């Protein structure tokens, strides 16, 4: 699913890139849920076309969370059909899902 242009532009903006970098540095680059290397800066309150210009939502460090790819996918319930994870985010029965 393609992001609306206003969101795409936001994620390329200097303000977002600075806020993202600040979050990564503030948590030493580690996923705030499992402690692995963080990759995705996640908005706790989802960013939408309606709130993208509200800096309290879009840029506020308290609304941002650094997550590893696995935790971010779990947050958005991606790839979860028939897939189960343990409490540390490890795939259960990985041979079954190849």
Protein backbone atom coordinates (compact mmCIF):
# COMPACT_ATOMS: atom_id res chain seq x y z
CA UNK A 1 0.00 0.00 0.00
CA UNK A 2 1.48 3.29 -1.10
CA UNK A 3 1.79 6.13 1.44
CA UNK A 4 -0.11 9.34 0.68
CA UNK A 5 2.19 11.99 -0.79
CA UNK A 6 1.95 14.23 2.31
CA UNK A 7 3.25 11.37 4.51
CA UNK A 8 5.92 10.40 2.00
CA UNK A 9 7.13 14.02 1.93
CA UNK A 10 7.10 14.21 5.74
CA UNK A 11 9.37 11.15 6.04
CA UNK A 12 11.88 12.86 3.69
CA UNK A 13 11.81 16.19 5.56
CA UNK A 14 14.78 17.58 7.51
CA UNK A 15 12.55 17.93 10.61
CA UNK A 16 11.68 14.20 10.57
CA UNK A 17 15.25 13.12 9.85
CA UNK A 18 16.47 15.20 12.82
CA UNK A 19 13.72 13.87 15.15
CA UNK A 20 14.48 10.31 14.03
CA UNK A 21 18.21 10.72 14.64
CA UNK A 22 17.58 12.29 18.06
CA UNK A 23 15.42 9.28 19.10
CA UNK A 24 18.04 6.80 17.90
CA UNK A 25 20.78 8.61 19.84
CA UNK A 26 18.61 8.97 22.96
CA UNK A 27 18.13 5.19 23.24
CA UNK A 28 21.65 4.25 22.11
CA UNK A 29 20.35 2.68 18.90
CA UNK A 30 18.61 -0.20 20.68
CA UNK A 31 15.04 -1.43 20.30
CA UNK A 32 13.05 -0.11 23.22
CA UNK A 33 11.15 -3.40 23.53
CA UNK A 34 13.70 -6.18 23.11
CA UNK A 35 17.13 -4.52 23.18
CA UNK A 36 18.21 -5.62 19.69
CA UNK A 37 19.56 -3.11 17.14
CA UNK A 38 16.80 -0.58 16.42
CA UNK A 39 15.92 0.23 12.82
CA UNK A 40 12.42 1.70 12.71
CA UNK A 41 11.36 4.86 14.54
CA UNK A 42 7.70 4.16 15.25
CA UNK A 43 4.94 6.66 16.03
CA UNK A 44 3.04 5.43 19.10
CA UNK A 45 0.06 7.53 18.00
CA UNK A 46 -0.15 6.70 14.30
CA UNK A 47 0.78 9.38 11.84
CA UNK A 48 -2.05 10.26 9.46
CA UNK A 49 -2.72 12.82 6.76
CA UNK A 50 -4.81 14.68 9.35
CA UNK A 51 -2.14 14.93 12.07
CA UNK A 52 1.12 14.98 10.09
CA UNK A 53 1.42 18.76 10.57
CA UNK A 54 0.83 18.50 14.34
CA UNK A 55 4.38 18.39 15.71
CA UNK A 56 3.07 17.06 19.04
CA UNK A 57 2.23 13.87 17.14
CA UNK A 58 4.70 13.82 14.27
CA UNK A 59 7.93 15.00 15.91
CA UNK A 60 7.41 14.72 19.67
CA UNK A 61 10.06 12.42 21.14
CA UNK A 62 7.50 11.08 23.64
CA UNK A 63 5.42 9.80 20.70
CA UNK A 64 8.39 8.06 19.08
CA UNK A 65 9.79 4.63 19.86
CA UNK A 66 12.83 2.93 18.32
CA UNK A 67 12.04 -0.64 17.33
CA UNK A 68 13.89 -3.46 15.64
CA UNK A 69 12.30 -4.74 12.44
CA UNK A 70 10.70 -7.74 14.22
CA UNK A 71 9.09 -5.66 16.98
CA UNK A 72 7.87 -3.12 14.41
CA UNK A 73 6.31 -5.90 12.33
CA UNK A 74 4.65 -7.34 15.44
CA UNK A 75 3.33 -3.87 16.38
CA UNK A 76 1.65 -3.59 12.98
CA UNK A 77 0.62 -7.27 12.99
CA UNK A 78 2.52 -7.89 9.77
CA UNK A 79 3.32 -11.43 8.72
CA UNK A 80 1.40 -12.80 11.69
CA UNK A 81 -1.02 -15.21 9.99
CA UNK A 82 -0.11 -18.59 11.41
CA UNK A 83 3.15 -17.27 12.82
CA UNK A 84 3.77 -17.22 16.55
CA UNK A 85 6.51 -15.51 18.56
CA UNK A 86 7.79 -16.15 22.08
CA UNK A 87 7.99 -13.40 24.73
CA UNK A 88 11.41 -12.34 23.39
CA UNK A 89 10.13 -11.93 19.82
CA UNK A 90 11.68 -15.15 18.50
CA UNK A 91 9.77 -17.09 15.85
CA UNK A 92 8.34 -20.33 17.21
CA UNK A 93 8.65 -23.38 14.95
CA UNK A 94 10.69 -21.58 12.26
CA UNK A 95 11.02 -24.80 10.19
CA UNK A 96 7.23 -24.83 9.78
CA UNK A 97 7.24 -21.36 8.19
CA UNK A 98 9.94 -21.78 5.51
